[in-house]
C-alpha cells in the first residue's frame, strides 16, 4: 500500500472510530436507514446503537439468508446487518463481522451483549479489509457489505474482491450495497478528503466495478441502481429535532455537511449480486470453521500475567498452610492424558464469556494459576483476560499467573507422581 493509500485508510479509521465513540442522533439514523430499505420492525429488533446512519442499502433484506448458513459482513460497524443476519441463520449458523476500527468492534460487541449474542454464533473481529481476511477459504455462504468498499483505496479494492472470492464456498453469494460513480469523478471531488470519508470520492465507475469482480473470479454480476436520493445523508429530519432547534449537545454526532456539489449527479447507491461458480462440495468444505483463530472474536488482553514454576506450584500444594490458590486447566478437547491434581477445567474457548461467573468464584483467591498444553497460547490468554477483569473491577485480592511450560512440563517432571497428577 502506498503512502497516500495508507493515509486514506488512517483518515477513514479515525473518522469512523470517532463515530463509534459518539452518540448518534437517533432520528437522523432512523431516517437514513428507512430511506435505504430497513423496516420499522427490523430497526426495533436490534439495539438502537447498532444503527449509526451509515448505510446505503439493506443487504440482509435481499440476501435470502437461510438457517444454518455462515454469513460474513465486511465493515460491520455497530453491527446492524450482523444482528439481522443472526436472526436468520439461527443458533446453528454463524454471523461474523469484520471492521478495522477497534472502537467499532468494541461498540458492536457491547450491542451483541445486550442481545445475549456470543461467539461463535455472533462474532465481531478487528481486521483491515486491505489485508488477508482472518477467515478460512471456502467457508462462507453469504458475504454482505454496506457502504464500505468505496472506502477502500486504490488497488486495495481488487485485493478485497479476491479475498471475498477466496472465503466464499463454491455456490456462495455476495450482496453488496455500495456507492458507485455514474461517471468519472473530477479531481476536485476525488481529492476531497471529507467527501472520501463520506463514501463519495472513493467510488469507482460501474465498468471499473465489473472489472474488479471479474478479475476476482465472479461471472455475470448483477447491479441494481436503488435510485435513493443521497441528500438523505445531509437533509434534516422532519419536525423540529436537534438540527433545526439547537446545536447538538456535546457528544452527539453531527450529520455530514452538505457538499459543494450535487452528490446525486456524480454517484448512486447500488446493490450488487454475484455468485461464486458452484462445484461439487465435500463434507470437509461444509464443516470448515470460518474463523482462523477463535480468540479473534474476543478483546485482545492488555494485562500481563507472571509465570510460576512447577516447583513453586508443588510447594503450594504440599504446604498445609498455603491453601489460597487455584489451578485452572483451560484445555478442552486435549484435556485427556493427565492434568494437575485438583485443577479446575475451564475451556479457553468459552472462558471470556464465563468471566463474570469465574470472577465470582475465584475473585477472592490470592493466586489463580492458568495452564494449557505448553502455556504459550490459551493459558496466558485466559490469565490475562482474568487480570484485565480484576483490574476493571479494582480487585486486588486476586491475581493471575501462568504455569511455566504448561501440562507438558508438569507431566515431564511429575508424570509418575499420583499425588500431583490426575488421570481421566
Protein backbone atom coordinates (compact mmCIF):
# COMPACT_ATOMS: atom_id res chain seq x y z
CA UNK A 1 0.00 0.00 0.00
CA UNK A 2 1.42 3.40 -0.98
CA UNK A 3 1.74 6.27 1.49
CA UNK A 4 -1.28 8.11 0.06
CA UNK A 5 -3.45 4.97 0.38
CA UNK A 6 -2.20 4.41 3.92
CA UNK A 7 -3.12 7.99 4.78
CA UNK A 8 -6.63 7.45 3.43
CA UNK A 9 -7.04 4.27 5.48
CA UNK A 10 -5.90 6.15 8.59
CA UNK A 11 -8.30 9.01 7.90
CA UNK A 12 -11.21 6.59 7.47
CA UNK A 13 -10.26 4.69 10.63
CA UNK A 14 -10.08 7.90 12.66
CA UNK A 15 -13.38 9.21 11.32
CA UNK A 16 -15.36 6.02 11.91
CA UNK A 17 -13.74 5.38 15.27
CA UNK A 18 -14.98 8.83 16.30
CA UNK A 19 -18.46 7.89 15.13
CA UNK A 20 -18.34 4.74 17.28
CA UNK A 21 -17.43 6.78 20.37
CA UNK A 22 -20.14 9.36 19.82
CA UNK A 23 -23.87 9.25 20.47
CA UNK A 24 -25.81 9.21 17.22
CA UNK A 25 -28.81 11.43 16.56
CA UNK A 26 -31.39 8.63 16.55
CA UNK A 27 -33.87 10.49 14.33
CA UNK A 28 -31.20 11.04 11.71
CA UNK A 29 -30.03 7.41 11.87
CA UNK A 30 -33.59 6.13 11.50
CA UNK A 31 -34.25 8.43 8.54
CA UNK A 32 -31.17 7.18 6.72
CA UNK A 33 -31.93 3.52 7.47
CA UNK A 34 -35.55 3.87 6.38
CA UNK A 35 -34.53 5.58 3.15
CA UNK A 36 -32.33 2.61 2.28
CA UNK A 37 -34.92 -0.07 2.93
CA UNK A 38 -34.85 -1.04 6.60
CA UNK A 39 -38.30 -1.65 8.04
CA UNK A 40 -39.54 -0.37 11.37
CA UNK A 41 -39.68 -3.99 12.58
CA UNK A 42 -36.05 -4.60 11.63
CA UNK A 43 -34.85 -1.47 13.40
CA UNK A 44 -36.85 -2.30 16.52
CA UNK A 45 -35.34 -5.81 16.62
CA UNK A 46 -31.75 -4.60 17.02
CA UNK A 47 -30.01 -2.45 19.65
CA UNK A 48 -30.59 1.22 18.79
CA UNK A 49 -26.85 1.86 18.99
CA UNK A 50 -26.24 -0.60 16.14
CA UNK A 51 -27.79 1.82 13.64
CA UNK A 52 -25.33 4.66 13.09
CA UNK A 53 -26.96 6.11 9.99
CA UNK A 54 -24.11 4.89 7.77
CA UNK A 55 -25.98 2.57 5.39
CA UNK A 56 -26.53 2.90 1.66
CA UNK A 57 -28.77 -0.16 1.41
CA UNK A 58 -30.16 -3.16 3.27
CA UNK A 59 -28.16 -6.20 2.11
CA UNK A 60 -29.79 -8.64 4.55
CA UNK A 61 -33.18 -7.82 3.11
CA UNK A 62 -32.08 -9.11 -0.30
CA UNK A 63 -29.68 -11.90 0.70
CA UNK A 64 -32.19 -14.76 1.24
CA UNK A 65 -30.20 -15.93 4.25
CA UNK A 66 -31.16 -19.40 5.46
CA UNK A 67 -30.95 -21.12 8.81
CA UNK A 68 -27.57 -22.70 9.46
CA UNK A 69 -25.67 -20.52 6.99
CA UNK A 70 -22.40 -18.74 7.70
CA UNK A 71 -22.53 -15.04 6.91
CA UNK A 72 -19.67 -12.52 6.75
CA UNK A 73 -20.16 -8.74 6.86
CA UNK A 74 -17.31 -6.54 5.63
CA UNK A 75 -17.12 -3.30 7.59
CA UNK A 76 -19.72 -4.32 10.15
CA UNK A 77 -19.77 -1.04 12.11
CA UNK A 78 -22.13 -1.10 15.06
CA UNK A 79 -23.50 -4.47 13.96
CA UNK A 80 -26.82 -3.60 12.29
CA UNK A 81 -26.57 -6.16 9.47
CA UNK A 82 -24.93 -8.85 11.62
CA UNK A 83 -27.78 -8.76 14.12
CA UNK A 84 -30.37 -9.03 11.36
CA UNK A 85 -28.41 -11.88 9.76
CA UNK A 86 -28.03 -13.66 13.11
CA UNK A 87 -31.79 -13.84 13.49
CA UNK A 88 -31.98 -15.62 10.12
CA UNK A 89 -29.08 -18.09 10.46
CA UNK A 90 -30.39 -19.22 13.85
CA UNK A 91 -28.39 -20.98 16.56
CA UNK A 92 -26.78 -23.42 14.11
CA UNK A 93 -25.42 -20.69 11.84
CA UNK A 94 -22.78 -18.00 12.26
CA UNK A 95 -22.72 -14.27 11.60
CA UNK A 96 -19.25 -12.71 11.60
CA UNK A 97 -18.46 -9.02 11.24
CA UNK A 98 -15.07 -7.61 10.24
CA UNK A 99 -14.14 -4.00 10.91
CA UNK A 100 -10.77 -2.26 11.08
CA UNK A 101 -11.80 0.12 13.87
CA UNK A 102 -11.22 -1.11 17.42
CA UNK A 103 -13.84 1.35 18.62
CA UNK A 104 -16.42 -0.03 16.20
CA UNK A 105 -15.66 -3.59 17.26
CA UNK A 106 -16.00 -2.58 20.92
CA UNK A 107 -19.35 -0.94 20.20
CA UNK A 108 -20.61 -3.94 18.23
CA UNK A 109 -19.61 -6.36 20.99
CA UNK A 110 -21.43 -4.22 23.56
CA UNK A 111 -24.51 -4.27 21.35
CA UNK A 112 -24.23 -8.06 20.99
CA UNK A 113 -24.05 -8.43 24.77
CA UNK A 114 -27.33 -6.52 25.07
CA UNK A 115 -28.97 -9.17 22.89
CA UNK A 116 -27.22 -12.08 24.62
CA UNK A 117 -25.35 -12.96 21.43
CA UNK A 118 -21.95 -14.64 21.78
CA UNK A 119 -19.27 -16.30 19.67
CA UNK A 120 -19.24 -18.47 17.71
CA UNK A 121 -22.87 -17.70 16.77
CA UNK A 122 -22.14 -13.96 16.50
CA UNK A 123 -18.59 -12.65 16.36
CA UNK A 124 -17.01 -9.28 15.69
CA UNK A 125 -13.36 -9.32 14.63
CA UNK A 126 -10.99 -6.41 14.19
CA UNK A 127 -9.35 -6.75 10.79
CA UNK A 128 -8.28 -4.43 7.97
CA UNK A 129 -10.07 -5.28 4.73
CA UNK A 130 -6.90 -4.35 2.82
CA UNK A 131 -5.16 -7.35 4.39
CA UNK A 132 -5.81 -11.09 4.20
CA UNK A 133 -9.11 -11.83 5.92
CA UNK A 134 -8.77 -13.91 9.13
CA UNK A 135 -11.28 -16.30 7.55
CA UNK A 136 -10.81 -19.81 6.18
CA UNK A 137 -11.08 -20.44 2.45
CA UNK A 138 -14.38 -21.85 1.11
CA UNK A 139 -16.12 -21.35 4.45
CA UNK A 140 -18.75 -18.62 3.95
CA UNK A 141 -22.22 -18.98 2.40
CA UNK A 142 -23.02 -15.28 2.02
CA UNK A 143 -20.94 -12.10 2.17
CA UNK A 144 -22.54 -8.75 2.90
CA UNK A 145 -21.19 -5.22 2.86
CA UNK A 146 -22.95 -1.91 3.34
CA UNK A 147 -21.41 1.32 2.07
CA UNK A 148 -17.87 0.21 2.90
CA UNK A 149 -15.96 -0.94 -0.17
CA UNK A 150 -15.94 2.56 -1.64
CA UNK A 151 -13.78 3.50 1.36
CA UNK A 152 -11.05 1.02 0.39
CA UNK A 153 -8.38 2.96 -1.51
CA UNK A 154 -6.69 2.23 -4.82
CA UNK A 155 -5.58 -1.32 -5.54
CA UNK A 156 -6.98 -2.38 -2.17
CA UNK A 157 -10.40 -2.81 -3.81
CA UNK A 158 -9.03 -5.59 -6.04
CA UNK A 159 -7.44 -7.25 -3.01
CA UNK A 160 -10.77 -7.18 -1.16
CA UNK A 161 -12.65 -8.77 -4.05
CA UNK A 162 -10.09 -11.56 -4.37
CA UNK A 163 -10.37 -12.24 -0.64
CA UNK A 164 -14.16 -12.26 -0.95
CA UNK A 165 -13.92 -14.89 -3.67
CA UNK A 166 -11.41 -16.95 -1.65
CA UNK A 167 -13.51 -17.24 1.51
CA UNK A 168 -16.82 -17.93 -0.24
CA UNK A 169 -17.93 -21.54 -0.53
CA UNK A 170 -18.48 -22.76 -4.09
CA UNK A 171 -22.01 -21.64 -4.84
CA UNK A 172 -21.73 -18.91 -2.20
CA UNK A 173 -23.06 -15.44 -2.93
CA UNK A 174 -22.38 -11.77 -2.29
CA UNK A 175 -24.86 -8.97 -1.66
CA UNK A 176 -23.01 -5.69 -1.54
CA UNK A 177 -24.55 -2.26 -1.11
CA UNK A 178 -22.11 0.36 -2.29
CA UNK A 179 -21.72 3.81 -3.78
CA UNK A 180 -20.75 3.74 -7.46
CA UNK A 181 -19.70 6.65 -9.66
CA UNK A 182 -22.10 7.47 -12.51
CA UNK A 183 -19.20 8.97 -14.46
CA UNK A 184 -15.50 9.58 -13.80
CA UNK A 185 -15.14 11.90 -10.84
CA UNK A 186 -13.27 15.17 -11.38
CA UNK A 187 -10.12 15.86 -9.39
CA UNK A 188 -11.89 18.38 -7.15
CA UNK A 189 -14.14 15.57 -5.86
CA UNK A 190 -11.55 12.76 -5.93
CA UNK A 191 -9.17 14.88 -3.82
CA UNK A 192 -11.81 15.98 -1.29
CA UNK A 193 -10.94 14.07 1.90
CA UNK A 194 -14.25 14.91 3.57
CA UNK A 195 -16.11 13.54 0.56
CA UNK A 196 -13.86 10.48 0.61
CA UNK A 197 -14.67 9.70 4.24
CA UNK A 198 -18.30 10.40 3.31
CA UNK A 199 -18.22 7.49 0.80
CA UNK A 200 -18.27 9.60 -2.36
CA UNK A 201 -14.73 10.33 -3.55
CA UNK A 202 -13.60 6.69 -3.41
CA UNK A 203 -16.40 5.45 -5.65
CA UNK A 204 -15.40 3.79 -8.93
CA UNK A 205 -17.46 3.63 -12.10
CA UNK A 206 -19.79 0.76 -12.92
CA UNK A 207 -17.42 -0.54 -15.59
CA UNK A 208 -14.48 -0.48 -13.16
CA UNK A 209 -16.56 -2.29 -10.52
CA UNK A 210 -17.43 -5.02 -13.04
CA UNK A 211 -13.72 -5.46 -13.80
CA UNK A 212 -12.94 -5.81 -10.08
CA UNK A 213 -15.49 -8.61 -9.75
CA UNK A 214 -14.47 -10.31 -12.98
CA UNK A 215 -10.77 -10.26 -12.10
CA UNK A 216 -11.61 -11.79 -8.72
CA UNK A 217 -13.41 -14.71 -10.41
CA UNK A 218 -17.08 -13.69 -10.39
CA UNK A 219 -19.15 -14.09 -13.55
CA UNK A 220 -22.26 -12.19 -14.60
CA UNK A 221 -22.73 -9.93 -11.55
CA UNK A 222 -26.00 -8.04 -11.28
CA UNK A 223 -26.01 -4.30 -10.47
CA UNK A 224 -29.23 -2.61 -9.36
CA UNK A 225 -29.41 1.17 -9.04
CA UNK A 226 -31.57 1.79 -5.95
CA UNK A 227 -32.13 5.41 -7.05
CA UNK A 228 -32.25 6.61 -3.45
CA UNK A 229 -31.75 10.36 -3.03
CA UNK A 230 -28.31 10.64 -1.39
CA UNK A 231 -29.23 14.01 0.08
CA UNK A 232 -30.87 11.98 2.86
CA UNK A 233 -27.41 12.00 4.44
CA UNK A 234 -27.46 15.79 4.63
CA UNK A 235 -31.11 16.80 4.99
CA UNK A 236 -32.58 17.45 8.45
CA UNK A 237 -35.30 15.12 9.63
CA UNK A 238 -38.91 16.23 9.54
CA UNK A 239 -40.19 18.05 12.58
CA UNK A 240 -38.14 20.06 14.99
CA UNK A 241 -35.23 17.93 16.05
CA UNK A 242 -31.75 18.72 17.30
CA UNK A 243 -30.55 20.02 13.94
CA UNK A 244 -33.20 22.70 13.48
CA UNK A 245 -33.78 23.84 17.02
CA UNK A 246 -30.38 23.95 18.63
CA UNK A 247 -26.78 22.93 18.29
CA UNK A 248 -26.22 19.22 19.02
CA UNK A 249 -25.30 18.57 22.64
CA UNK A 250 -21.74 17.62 23.41
CA UNK A 251 -21.01 14.03 22.42
CA UNK A 252 -23.80 13.79 19.84
CA UNK A 253 -22.66 13.00 16.30
CA UNK A 254 -23.49 15.77 13.84
CA UNK A 255 -24.79 14.79 10.40
CA UNK A 256 -22.48 15.35 7.42
CA UNK A 257 -22.29 18.84 5.99
CA UNK A 258 -23.83 19.33 2.55
CA UNK A 259 -21.03 19.09 -0.07
CA UNK A 260 -20.48 21.88 -2.55
CA UNK A 261 -21.61 19.61 -5.38
CA UNK A 262 -24.72 17.54 -6.13
CA UNK A 263 -23.91 14.01 -4.91
CA UNK A 264 -26.77 12.54 -6.95
CA UNK A 265 -25.24 13.88 -10.17
CA UNK A 266 -21.96 12.04 -9.62
CA UNK A 267 -22.68 8.89 -7.66
CA UNK A 268 -25.51 6.50 -6.84
CA UNK A 269 -26.35 3.74 -4.41
CA UNK A 270 -26.23 0.28 -5.97
CA UNK A 271 -26.93 -3.23 -4.79
CA UNK A 272 -24.59 -5.81 -6.30
CA UNK A 273 -25.24 -9.55 -6.54
CA UNK A 274 -22.83 -12.27 -7.65
CA UNK A 275 -22.28 -15.99 -7.09
CA UNK A 276 -19.06 -17.96 -6.86
CA UNK A 277 -19.16 -20.67 -9.51
CA UNK A 278 -20.56 -23.84 -7.99
CA UNK A 279 -18.52 -27.01 -7.67
CA UNK A 280 -19.11 -30.37 -6.04
CA UNK A 281 -18.74 -29.68 -2.33
CA UNK A 282 -17.27 -32.12 0.12
CA UNK A 283 -18.22 -32.67 3.74
CA UNK A 284 -14.89 -31.15 4.74
CA UNK A 285 -15.70 -27.88 2.98
CA UNK A 286 -19.13 -27.75 4.59
CA UNK A 287 -17.73 -28.24 8.09
CA UNK A 288 -14.96 -25.63 7.96
CA UNK A 289 -14.99 -23.20 10.89
CA UNK A 290 -14.79 -19.74 9.27
CA UNK A 291 -12.62 -18.05 11.91
CA UNK A 292 -8.95 -18.96 11.60
CA UNK A 293 -8.49 -18.17 15.30
CA UNK A 294 -11.41 -18.46 17.73
CA UNK A 295 -9.85 -15.86 20.03
CA UNK A 296 -10.13 -13.15 17.35
CA UNK A 297 -13.79 -12.89 18.35
CA UNK A 298 -12.79 -11.58 21.78
CA UNK A 299 -10.95 -8.47 23.04
CA UNK A 300 -7.20 -8.54 22.96
CA UNK A 301 -5.94 -8.88 26.54
CA UNK A 302 -4.00 -5.91 27.89
CA UNK A 303 -2.59 -7.09 31.22
CA UNK A 304 0.46 -9.22 31.91
CA UNK A 305 0.41 -12.42 33.95
CA UNK A 306 3.68 -13.58 35.55
CA UNK A 307 4.97 -17.13 35.27
CA UNK A 308 5.04 -19.52 38.18
CA UNK A 309 7.20 -22.64 38.01
CA UNK A 310 6.03 -26.21 38.50
CA UNK A 311 8.24 -26.43 41.60
CA UNK A 312 6.53 -23.39 43.13
CA UNK A 313 3.10 -24.91 42.50
CA UNK A 314 4.19 -28.22 44.07
CA UNK A 315 5.39 -26.31 47.11
CA UNK A 316 1.95 -24.66 47.43
CA UNK A 317 0.17 -27.99 47.02
CA UNK A 318 2.24 -29.67 49.75
CA UNK A 319 2.19 -26.74 52.16
CA UNK A 320 -0.55 -27.48 54.75
CA UNK A 321 -0.88 -23.76 55.46
CA UNK A 322 -0.81 -22.33 51.90
CA UNK A 323 -4.28 -23.02 50.54
CA UNK A 324 -5.11 -19.65 48.99
CA UNK A 325 -4.55 -20.63 45.38
CA UNK A 326 -6.35 -22.32 42.49
CA UNK A 327 -5.08 -24.07 39.38
CA UNK A 328 -7.11 -23.72 36.17
CA UNK A 329 -6.84 -26.06 33.18
CA UNK A 330 -8.08 -24.18 30.08
CA UNK A 331 -7.74 -27.11 27.68
CA UNK A 332 -10.86 -28.64 26.16
CA UNK A 333 -10.54 -31.38 23.53
CA UNK A 334 -6.95 -32.11 24.57
CA UNK A 335 -7.81 -32.33 28.27
CA UNK A 336 -7.05 -36.05 28.45
CA UNK A 337 -3.66 -37.54 29.25
CA UNK A 338 -3.39 -36.13 32.72
CA UNK A 339 -3.71 -32.79 34.48
CA UNK A 340 -2.51 -31.04 37.59
CA UNK A 341 -4.15 -32.72 40.56
CA UNK A 342 -7.06 -30.71 41.90
CA UNK A 343 -7.18 -28.32 38.93
CA UNK A 344 -10.47 -26.90 37.67
CA UNK A 345 -11.25 -27.22 33.98
CA UNK A 346 -12.45 -24.03 32.26
CA UNK A 347 -12.12 -24.35 28.47
CA UNK A 348 -10.46 -21.33 26.90
CA UNK A 349 -12.98 -21.14 24.05
CA UNK A 350 -15.78 -20.13 26.43
CA UNK A 351 -13.67 -18.60 29.18
CA UNK A 352 -14.20 -14.95 28.27
CA UNK A 353 -17.98 -15.31 28.16
CA UNK A 354 -17.88 -17.07 31.54
CA UNK A 355 -15.66 -14.43 33.19
CA UNK A 356 -18.37 -12.91 35.43
CA UNK A 357 -19.10 -16.32 36.97
CA UNK A 358 -15.40 -17.15 37.16
CA UNK A 359 -14.58 -13.91 38.99
CA UNK A 360 -17.42 -14.51 41.38
CA UNK A 361 -15.95 -17.92 42.22
CA UNK A 362 -12.23 -17.10 42.30
CA UNK A 363 -12.16 -13.34 42.84
CA UNK A 364 -11.01 -13.72 46.44
CA UNK A 365 -8.39 -16.37 45.68
CA UNK A 366 -4.92 -14.89 46.05
CA UNK A 367 -3.22 -16.78 43.24
CA UNK A 368 -5.13 -18.16 40.25
CA UNK A 369 -2.76 -20.20 38.08
CA UNK A 370 -3.66 -20.99 34.47
CA UNK A 371 -2.21 -23.59 32.15
CA UNK A 372 -2.76 -25.28 28.79
CA UNK A 373 -0.56 -27.67 26.80
CA UNK A 374 2.63 -25.64 26.87
CA UNK A 375 1.26 -22.39 28.34
CA UNK A 376 2.18 -20.42 25.23
CA UNK A 377 -1.34 -19.63 23.98
CA UNK A 378 -4.61 -20.39 25.73
CA UNK A 379 -3.24 -20.37 29.27
CA UNK A 380 -1.60 -16.93 29.10
CA UNK A 381 -4.55 -15.52 27.15
CA UNK A 382 -7.10 -16.59 29.77
CA UNK A 383 -4.84 -15.44 32.59
CA UNK A 384 -4.54 -12.00 31.02
CA UNK A 385 -8.30 -11.79 30.42
CA UNK A 386 -8.85 -12.63 34.08
CA UNK A 387 -6.34 -10.00 35.17
CA UNK A 388 -7.99 -7.45 32.86
CA UNK A 389 -11.33 -8.08 34.53
CA UNK A 390 -9.80 -7.84 38.00
CA UNK A 391 -8.25 -4.52 37.05
CA UNK A 392 -11.56 -3.23 35.68
CA UNK A 393 -13.24 -4.13 38.96
CA UNK A 394 -10.43 -2.69 41.09
CA UNK A 395 -9.95 -6.12 42.64
CA UNK A 396 -6.52 -6.53 44.24
CA UNK A 397 -7.44 -9.58 46.33
CA UNK A 398 -6.71 -11.94 43.45
CA UNK A 399 -4.09 -12.14 40.71
CA UNK A 400 -3.50 -14.22 37.60
CA UNK A 401 -0.43 -16.39 36.99
CA UNK A 402 0.66 -18.79 34.26
CA UNK A 403 2.17 -22.22 34.89
CA UNK A 404 5.51 -22.23 33.09
CA UNK A 405 5.76 -24.94 30.36
CA UNK A 406 2.14 -25.97 30.93
CA UNK A 407 0.94 -29.52 31.41
CA UNK A 408 3.68 -30.92 29.20
CA UNK A 409 6.34 -29.61 31.52
CA UNK A 410 4.34 -30.76 34.54
CA UNK A 411 3.96 -34.31 33.25
CA UNK A 412 7.62 -34.46 32.20
CA UNK A 413 8.58 -33.79 35.80
CA UNK A 414 5.79 -35.39 37.80
CA UNK A 415 4.03 -37.80 35.42
CA UNK A 416 4.55 -40.75 37.80
CA UNK A 417 3.57 -38.86 40.95
CA UNK A 418 -0.01 -39.87 41.70
CA UNK A 419 -0.30 -37.19 44.36
CA UNK A 420 0.44 -34.49 41.76
CA UNK A 421 -1.34 -35.79 38.63
CA UNK A 422 -4.96 -36.72 37.98
CA UNK A 423 -5.82 -39.06 35.11
CA UNK A 424 -9.12 -39.18 33.24
